[in-house]
Amino acid sequence: MLTGARPGFGNTISHSHRRHSRRFDPNIQSKRYWLPAEGRHVRLRLSTKGIKTVDTIGIEAAVARIRARGVKV
């Protein structure tokens, strides 16, 4: 919701060096935060990088960024 992380695509290479398509999924976690301005909890689906971003900028600024992208929180 915050960073816009999407799956990456690449190849799995076997021991014999044959290549097969694969998908690298982001590490998505569901985390609950207390939003003091609204007096309620919000549950966000964030990548682990997004969780670190919330820790750095704060939940208020993070929710403002998410809402600016047009996502309902």
PDB file of N, CA and C in Angstrom:
ATOM      1  N   MET A   1       0.817  -1.196   0.000  1.00  0.00           N
ATOM      2  CA  MET A   1       0.000   0.000   0.000  1.00  0.00           C
ATOM      3  C   MET A   1       0.865   1.266   0.000  1.00  0.00           C
ATOM      4  N   LEU A   2       2.027   1.186   0.603  1.00  0.00           N
ATOM      5  CA  LEU A   2       2.859   2.382   0.741  1.00  0.00           C
ATOM      6  C   LEU A   2       3.903   2.486  -0.364  1.00  0.00           C
ATOM      7  N   THR A   3       4.625   1.413  -0.622  1.00  0.00           N
ATOM      8  CA  THR A   3       5.725   1.480  -1.582  1.00  0.00           C
ATOM      9  C   THR A   3       5.317   1.059  -2.981  1.00  0.00           C
ATOM     10  N   GLY A   4       4.176   0.412  -3.137  1.00  0.00           N
ATOM     11  CA  GLY A   4       3.755  -0.042  -4.455  1.00  0.00           C
ATOM     12  C   GLY A   4       4.573  -1.210  -4.962  1.00  0.00           C
ATOM     13  N   ALA A   5       5.063  -2.055  -4.052  1.00  0.00           N
ATOM     14  CA  ALA A   5       5.901  -3.197  -4.439  1.00  0.00           C
ATOM     15  C   ALA A   5       5.095  -4.172  -5.288  1.00  0.00           C
ATOM     16  N   ARG A   6       5.684  -4.613  -6.371  1.00  0.00           N
ATOM     17  CA  ARG A   6       5.050  -5.571  -7.277  1.00  0.00           C
ATOM     18  C   ARG A   6       5.998  -6.748  -7.480  1.00  0.00           C
ATOM     19  N   PRO A   7       5.473  -7.873  -7.954  1.00  0.00           N
ATOM     20  CA  PRO A   7       6.362  -9.016  -8.206  1.00  0.00           C
ATOM     21  C   PRO A   7       7.378  -8.697  -9.297  1.00  0.00           C
ATOM     22  N   GLY A   8       8.568  -9.275  -9.120  1.00  0.00           N
ATOM     23  CA  GLY A   8       9.588  -9.198 -10.157  1.00  0.00           C
ATOM     24  C   GLY A   8       9.629 -10.529 -10.886  1.00  0.00           C
ATOM     25  N   PHE A   9      10.136 -10.536 -12.104  1.00  0.00           N
ATOM     26  CA  PHE A   9      10.170 -11.762 -12.884  1.00  0.00           C
ATOM     27  C   PHE A   9      11.591 -12.049 -13.319  1.00  0.00           C
ATOM     28  N   GLY A  10      11.904 -13.329 -13.441  1.00  0.00           N
ATOM     29  CA  GLY A  10      13.241 -13.732 -13.846  1.00  0.00           C
ATOM     30  C   GLY A  10      13.244 -15.195 -14.210  1.00  0.00           C
ATOM     31  N   ASN A  11      14.407 -15.809 -14.105  1.00  0.00           N
ATOM     32  CA  ASN A  11      14.565 -17.205 -14.473  1.00  0.00           C
ATOM     33  C   ASN A  11      15.130 -18.016 -13.323  1.00  0.00           C
ATOM     34  N   THR A  12      14.663 -19.255 -13.230  1.00  0.00           N
ATOM     35  CA  THR A  12      15.299 -20.250 -12.376  1.00  0.00           C
ATOM     36  C   THR A  12      16.280 -20.996 -13.260  1.00  0.00           C
ATOM     37  N   ILE A  13      17.511 -21.099 -12.815  1.00  0.00           N
ATOM     38  CA  ILE A  13      18.513 -21.785 -13.623  1.00  0.00           C
ATOM     39  C   ILE A  13      18.922 -23.053 -12.886  1.00  0.00           C
ATOM     40  N   SER A  14      18.696 -24.202 -13.511  1.00  0.00           N
ATOM     41  CA  SER A  14      18.999 -25.486 -12.887  1.00  0.00           C
ATOM     42  C   SER A  14      20.499 -25.779 -12.968  1.00  0.00           C
ATOM     43  N   HIS A  15      20.882 -26.900 -12.383  1.00  0.00           N
ATOM     44  CA  HIS A  15      22.289 -27.317 -12.406  1.00  0.00           C
ATOM     45  C   HIS A  15      22.766 -27.529 -13.844  1.00  0.00           C
ATOM     46  N   SER A  16      21.891 -28.034 -14.702  1.00  0.00           N
ATOM     47  CA  SER A  16      22.260 -28.256 -16.101  1.00  0.00           C
ATOM     48  C   SER A  16      22.134 -26.978 -16.937  1.00  0.00           C
ATOM     49  N   HIS A  17      21.809 -25.874 -16.279  1.00  0.00           N
ATOM     50  CA  HIS A  17      21.723 -24.539 -16.866  1.00  0.00           C
ATOM     51  C   HIS A  17      20.512 -24.363 -17.771  1.00  0.00           C
ATOM     52  N   ARG A  18      19.464 -25.150 -17.552  1.00  0.00           N
ATOM     53  CA  ARG A  18      18.198 -24.934 -18.250  1.00  0.00           C
ATOM     54  C   ARG A  18      17.452 -23.834 -17.519  1.00  0.00           C
ATOM     55  N   ARG A  19      16.776 -22.992 -18.249  1.00  0.00           N
ATOM     56  CA  ARG A  19      16.101 -21.838 -17.649  1.00  0.00           C
ATOM     57  C   ARG A  19      14.590 -22.008 -17.684  1.00  0.00           C
ATOM     58  N   HIS A  20      13.960 -21.622 -16.581  1.00  0.00           N
ATOM     59  CA  HIS A  20      12.500 -21.652 -16.470  1.00  0.00           C
ATOM     60  C   HIS A  20      12.061 -20.335 -15.849  1.00  0.00           C
ATOM     61  N   SER A  21      10.935 -19.820 -16.309  1.00  0.00           N
ATOM     62  CA  SER A  21      10.432 -18.550 -15.767  1.00  0.00           C
ATOM     63  C   SER A  21      10.011 -18.724 -14.320  1.00  0.00           C
ATOM     64  N   ARG A  22      10.245 -17.704 -13.533  1.00  0.00           N
ATOM     65  CA  ARG A  22       9.788 -17.700 -12.151  1.00  0.00           C
ATOM     66  C   ARG A  22       9.390 -16.295 -11.756  1.00  0.00           C
ATOM     67  N   ARG A  23       8.796 -16.191 -10.596  1.00  0.00           N
ATOM     68  CA  ARG A  23       8.269 -14.932 -10.106  1.00  0.00           C
ATOM     69  C   ARG A  23       8.848 -14.669  -8.717  1.00  0.00           C
ATOM     70  N   PHE A  24       9.357 -13.474  -8.487  1.00  0.00           N
ATOM     71  CA  PHE A  24       9.881 -13.064  -7.188  1.00  0.00           C
ATOM     72  C   PHE A  24       8.824 -12.202  -6.512  1.00  0.00           C
ATOM     73  N   ASP A  25       8.106 -12.766  -5.544  1.00  0.00           N
ATOM     74  CA  ASP A  25       7.053 -12.029  -4.859  1.00  0.00           C
ATOM     75  C   ASP A  25       7.630 -11.167  -3.740  1.00  0.00           C
ATOM     76  N   PRO A  26       7.090  -9.954  -3.531  1.00  0.00           N
ATOM     77  CA  PRO A  26       7.545  -9.126  -2.412  1.00  0.00           C
ATOM     78  C   PRO A  26       7.085  -9.731  -1.084  1.00  0.00           C
ATOM     79  N   ASN A  27       7.823  -9.435  -0.031  1.00  0.00           N
ATOM     80  CA  ASN A  27       7.517  -9.957   1.301  1.00  0.00           C
ATOM     81  C   ASN A  27       6.425  -9.086   1.920  1.00  0.00           C
ATOM     82  N   ILE A  28       5.158  -9.449   1.674  1.00  0.00           N
ATOM     83  CA  ILE A  28       4.012  -8.660   2.124  1.00  0.00           C
ATOM     84  C   ILE A  28       3.556  -9.145   3.500  1.00  0.00           C
ATOM     85  N   GLN A  29       3.382  -8.201   4.407  1.00  0.00           N
ATOM     86  CA  GLN A  29       2.923  -8.491   5.761  1.00  0.00           C
ATOM     87  C   GLN A  29       1.685  -7.635   6.055  1.00  0.00           C
ATOM     88  N   SER A  30       0.815  -8.123   6.903  1.00  0.00           N
ATOM     89  CA  SER A  30      -0.321  -7.345   7.364  1.00  0.00           C
ATOM     90  C   SER A  30       0.004  -6.853   8.769  1.00  0.00           C
ATOM     91  N   LYS A  31      -0.046  -5.533   8.969  1.00  0.00           N
ATOM     92  CA  LYS A  31       0.358  -4.967  10.256  1.00  0.00           C
ATOM     93  C   LYS A  31      -0.674  -3.960  10.715  1.00  0.00           C
ATOM     94  N   ARG A  32      -0.947  -3.964  12.014  1.00  0.00           N
ATOM     95  CA  ARG A  32      -1.936  -3.067  12.596  1.00  0.00           C
ATOM     96  C   ARG A  32      -1.222  -1.934  13.327  1.00  0.00           C
ATOM     97  N   TYR A  33      -1.633  -0.707  13.026  1.00  0.00           N
ATOM     98  CA  TYR A  33      -1.047   0.482  13.649  1.00  0.00           C
ATOM     99  C   TYR A  33      -2.149   1.285  14.328  1.00  0.00           C
ATOM    100  N   TRP A  34      -1.782   1.963  15.415  1.00  0.00           N
ATOM    101  CA  TRP A  34      -2.689   2.881  16.091  1.00  0.00           C
ATOM    102  C   TRP A  34      -2.547   4.246  15.431  1.00  0.00           C
ATOM    103  N   LEU A  35      -3.669   4.816  15.001  1.00  0.00           N
ATOM    104  CA  LEU A  35      -3.686   6.117  14.359  1.00  0.00           C
ATOM    105  C   LEU A  35      -4.273   7.124  15.350  1.00  0.00           C
ATOM    106  N   PRO A  36      -3.412   7.851  16.069  1.00  0.00           N
ATOM    107  CA  PRO A  36      -3.902   8.717  17.147  1.00  0.00           C
ATOM    108  C   PRO A  36      -4.799   9.858  16.673  1.00  0.00           C
ATOM    109  N   ALA A  37      -4.590  10.370  15.476  1.00  0.00           N
ATOM    110  CA  ALA A  37      -5.401  11.494  14.983  1.00  0.00           C
ATOM    111  C   ALA A  37      -6.870  11.098  14.833  1.00  0.00           C
ATOM    112  N   GLU A  38      -7.117   9.824  14.488  1.00  0.00           N
ATOM    113  CA  GLU A  38      -8.496   9.365  14.301  1.00  0.00           C
ATOM    114  C   GLU A  38      -8.985   8.517  15.463  1.00  0.00           C
ATOM    115  N   GLY A  39      -8.091   8.204  16.401  1.00  0.00           N
ATOM    116  CA  GLY A  39      -8.475   7.421  17.569  1.00  0.00           C
ATOM    117  C   GLY A  39      -8.888   5.996  17.241  1.00  0.00           C
ATOM    118  N   ARG A  40      -8.230   5.391  16.267  1.00  0.00           N
ATOM    119  CA  ARG A  40      -8.565   4.022  15.870  1.00  0.00           C
ATOM    120  C   ARG A  40      -7.333   3.309  15.326  1.00  0.00           C
ATOM    121  N   HIS A  41      -7.466   1.998  15.179  1.00  0.00           N
ATOM    122  CA  HIS A  41      -6.418   1.197  14.569  1.00  0.00           C
ATOM    123  C   HIS A  41      -6.655   1.112  13.068  1.00  0.00           C
ATOM    124  N   VAL A  42      -5.578   1.020  12.303  1.00  0.00           N
ATOM    125  CA  VAL A  42      -5.669   0.760  10.866  1.00  0.00           C
ATOM    126  C   VAL A  42      -4.813  -0.458  10.565  1.00  0.00           C
ATOM    127  N   ARG A  43      -5.307  -1.315   9.685  1.00  0.00           N
ATOM    128  CA  ARG A  43      -4.559  -2.498   9.269  1.00  0.00           C
ATOM    129  C   ARG A  43      -4.043  -2.244   7.859  1.00  0.00           C
ATOM    130  N   LEU A  44      -2.723  -2.287   7.712  1.00  0.00           N
ATOM    131  CA  LEU A  44      -2.100  -2.007   6.424  1.00  0.00           C
ATOM    132  C   LEU A  44      -1.401  -3.255   5.899  1.00  0.00           C
ATOM    133  N   ARG A  45      -1.440  -3.450   4.573  1.00  0.00           N
ATOM    134  CA  ARG A  45      -0.695  -4.517   3.917  1.00  0.00           C
ATOM    135  C   ARG A  45       0.572  -3.882   3.362  1.00  0.00           C
ATOM    136  N   LEU A  46       1.703  -4.171   4.004  1.00  0.00           N
ATOM    137  CA  LEU A  46       2.959  -3.519   3.668  1.00  0.00           C
ATOM    138  C   LEU A  46       4.037  -4.549   3.361  1.00  0.00           C
ATOM    139  N   SER A  47       4.975  -4.146   2.513  1.00  0.00           N
ATOM    140  CA  SER A  47       6.182  -4.942   2.351  1.00  0.00           C
ATOM    141  C   SER A  47       7.068  -4.655   3.566  1.00  0.00           C
ATOM    142  N   THR A  48       8.089  -5.452   3.758  1.00  0.00           N
ATOM    143  CA  THR A  48       8.978  -5.222   4.907  1.00  0.00           C
ATOM    144  C   THR A  48       9.696  -3.886   4.763  1.00  0.00           C
ATOM    145  N   LYS A  49       9.988  -3.475   3.535  1.00  0.00           N
ATOM    146  CA  LYS A  49      10.570  -2.148   3.331  1.00  0.00           C
ATOM    147  C   LYS A  49       9.566  -1.070   3.725  1.00  0.00           C
ATOM    148  N   GLY A  50       8.269  -1.294   3.448  1.00  0.00           N
ATOM    149  CA  GLY A  50       7.231  -0.340   3.832  1.00  0.00           C
ATOM    150  C   GLY A  50       7.110  -0.212   5.338  1.00  0.00           C
ATOM    151  N   ILE A  51       7.273  -1.323   6.065  1.00  0.00           N
ATOM    152  CA  ILE A  51       7.224  -1.288   7.534  1.00  0.00           C
ATOM    153  C   ILE A  51       8.361  -0.433   8.065  1.00  0.00           C
ATOM    154  N   LYS A  52       9.558  -0.579   7.480  1.00  0.00           N
ATOM    155  CA  LYS A  52      10.701   0.238   7.894  1.00  0.00           C
ATOM    156  C   LYS A  52      10.459   1.711   7.563  1.00  0.00           C
ATOM    157  N   THR A  53       9.791   1.987   6.451  1.00  0.00           N
ATOM    158  CA  THR A  53       9.474   3.365   6.084  1.00  0.00           C
ATOM    159  C   THR A  53       8.511   3.986   7.086  1.00  0.00           C
ATOM    160  N   VAL A  54       7.499   3.222   7.521  1.00  0.00           N
ATOM    161  CA  VAL A  54       6.555   3.717   8.528  1.00  0.00           C
ATOM    162  C   VAL A  54       7.301   4.004   9.829  1.00  0.00           C
ATOM    163  N   ASP A  55       8.239   3.156  10.203  1.00  0.00           N
ATOM    164  CA  ASP A  55       9.020   3.395  11.411  1.00  0.00           C
ATOM    165  C   ASP A  55       9.831   4.688  11.307  1.00  0.00           C
ATOM    166  N   THR A  56      10.284   5.027  10.106  1.00  0.00           N
ATOM    167  CA  THR A  56      11.112   6.220   9.909  1.00  0.00           C
ATOM    168  C   THR A  56      10.275   7.495   9.861  1.00  0.00           C
ATOM    169  N   ILE A  57       9.221   7.514   9.018  1.00  0.00           N
ATOM    170  CA  ILE A  57       8.472   8.759   8.808  1.00  0.00           C
ATOM    171  C   ILE A  57       7.282   8.922   9.735  1.00  0.00           C
ATOM    172  N   GLY A  58       6.842   7.840  10.367  1.00  0.00           N
ATOM    173  CA  GLY A  58       5.697   7.900  11.265  1.00  0.00           C
ATOM    174  C   GLY A  58       4.418   7.471  10.568  1.00  0.00           C
ATOM    175  N   ILE A  59       3.461   7.014  11.354  1.00  0.00           N
ATOM    176  CA  ILE A  59       2.226   6.461  10.800  1.00  0.00           C
ATOM    177  C   ILE A  59       1.358   7.543  10.167  1.00  0.00           C
ATOM    178  N   GLU A  60       1.340   8.751  10.733  1.00  0.00           N
ATOM    179  CA  GLU A  60       0.512   9.827  10.183  1.00  0.00           C
ATOM    180  C   GLU A  60       0.947  10.179   8.762  1.00  0.00           C
ATOM    181  N   ALA A  61       2.251  10.359   8.557  1.00  0.00           N
ATOM    182  CA  ALA A  61       2.762  10.702   7.227  1.00  0.00           C
ATOM    183  C   ALA A  61       2.573   9.544   6.257  1.00  0.00           C
ATOM    184  N   ALA A  62       2.721   8.315   6.752  1.00  0.00           N
ATOM    185  CA  ALA A  62       2.551   7.143   5.895  1.00  0.00           C
ATOM    186  C   ALA A  62       1.105   7.032   5.414  1.00  0.00           C
ATOM    187  N   VAL A  63       0.144   7.234   6.314  1.00  0.00           N
ATOM    188  CA  VAL A  63      -1.267   7.170   5.932  1.00  0.00           C
ATOM    189  C   VAL A  63      -1.598   8.299   4.960  1.00  0.00           C
ATOM    190  N   ALA A  64      -0.993   9.469   5.147  1.00  0.00           N
ATOM    191  CA  ALA A  64      -1.216  10.580   4.215  1.00  0.00           C
ATOM    192  C   ALA A  64      -0.707  10.220   2.820  1.00  0.00           C
ATOM    193  N   ARG A  65       0.452   9.559   2.730  1.00  0.00           N
ATOM    194  CA  ARG A  65       0.985   9.126   1.430  1.00  0.00           C
ATOM    195  C   ARG A  65       0.094   8.084   0.780  1.00  0.00           C
ATOM    196  N   ILE A  66      -0.409   7.144   1.592  1.00  0.00           N
ATOM    197  CA  ILE A  66      -1.280   6.088   1.055  1.00  0.00           C
ATOM    198  C   ILE A  66      -2.563   6.713   0.517  1.00  0.00           C
ATOM    199  N   ARG A  67      -3.143   7.649   1.264  1.00  0.00           N
ATOM    200  CA  ARG A  67      -4.375   8.304   0.814  1.00  0.00           C
ATOM    201  C   ARG A  67      -4.135   9.165  -0.422  1.00  0.00           C
ATOM    202  N   ALA A  68      -2.940   9.740  -0.547  1.00  0.00           N
ATOM    203  CA  ALA A  68      -2.617  10.544  -1.729  1.00  0.00           C
ATOM    204  C   ALA A  68      -2.578   9.687  -2.992  1.00  0.00           C
ATOM    205  N   ARG A  69      -2.278   8.396  -2.829  1.00  0.00           N
ATOM    206  CA  ARG A  69      -2.289   7.471  -3.967  1.00  0.00           C
ATOM    207  C   ARG A  69      -3.700   7.023  -4.318  1.00  0.00           C
ATOM    208  N   GLY A  70      -4.685   7.403  -3.508  1.00  0.00           N
ATOM    209  CA  GLY A  70      -6.066   7.071  -3.790  1.00  0.00           C
ATOM    210  C   GLY A  70      -6.546   5.784  -3.170  1.00  0.00           C
ATOM    211  N   VAL A  71      -5.806   5.260  -2.192  1.00  0.00           N
ATOM    212  CA  VAL A  71      -6.184   4.012  -1.523  1.00  0.00           C
ATOM    213  C   VAL A  71      -6.961   4.357  -0.261  1.00  0.00           C
ATOM    214  N   LYS A  72      -8.075   3.694  -0.042  1.00  0.00           N
ATOM    215  CA  LYS A  72      -8.877   3.928   1.156  1.00  0.00           C
ATOM    216  C   LYS A  72      -8.226   3.223   2.349  1.00  0.00           C
ATOM    217  N   VAL A  73      -8.105   3.958   3.464  1.00  0.00           N
ATOM    218  CA  VAL A  73      -7.511   3.393   4.678  1.00  0.00           C
ATOM    219  C   VAL A  73      -8.556   3.362   5.757  1.00  0.00           C
TER     220      VAL A  73
END
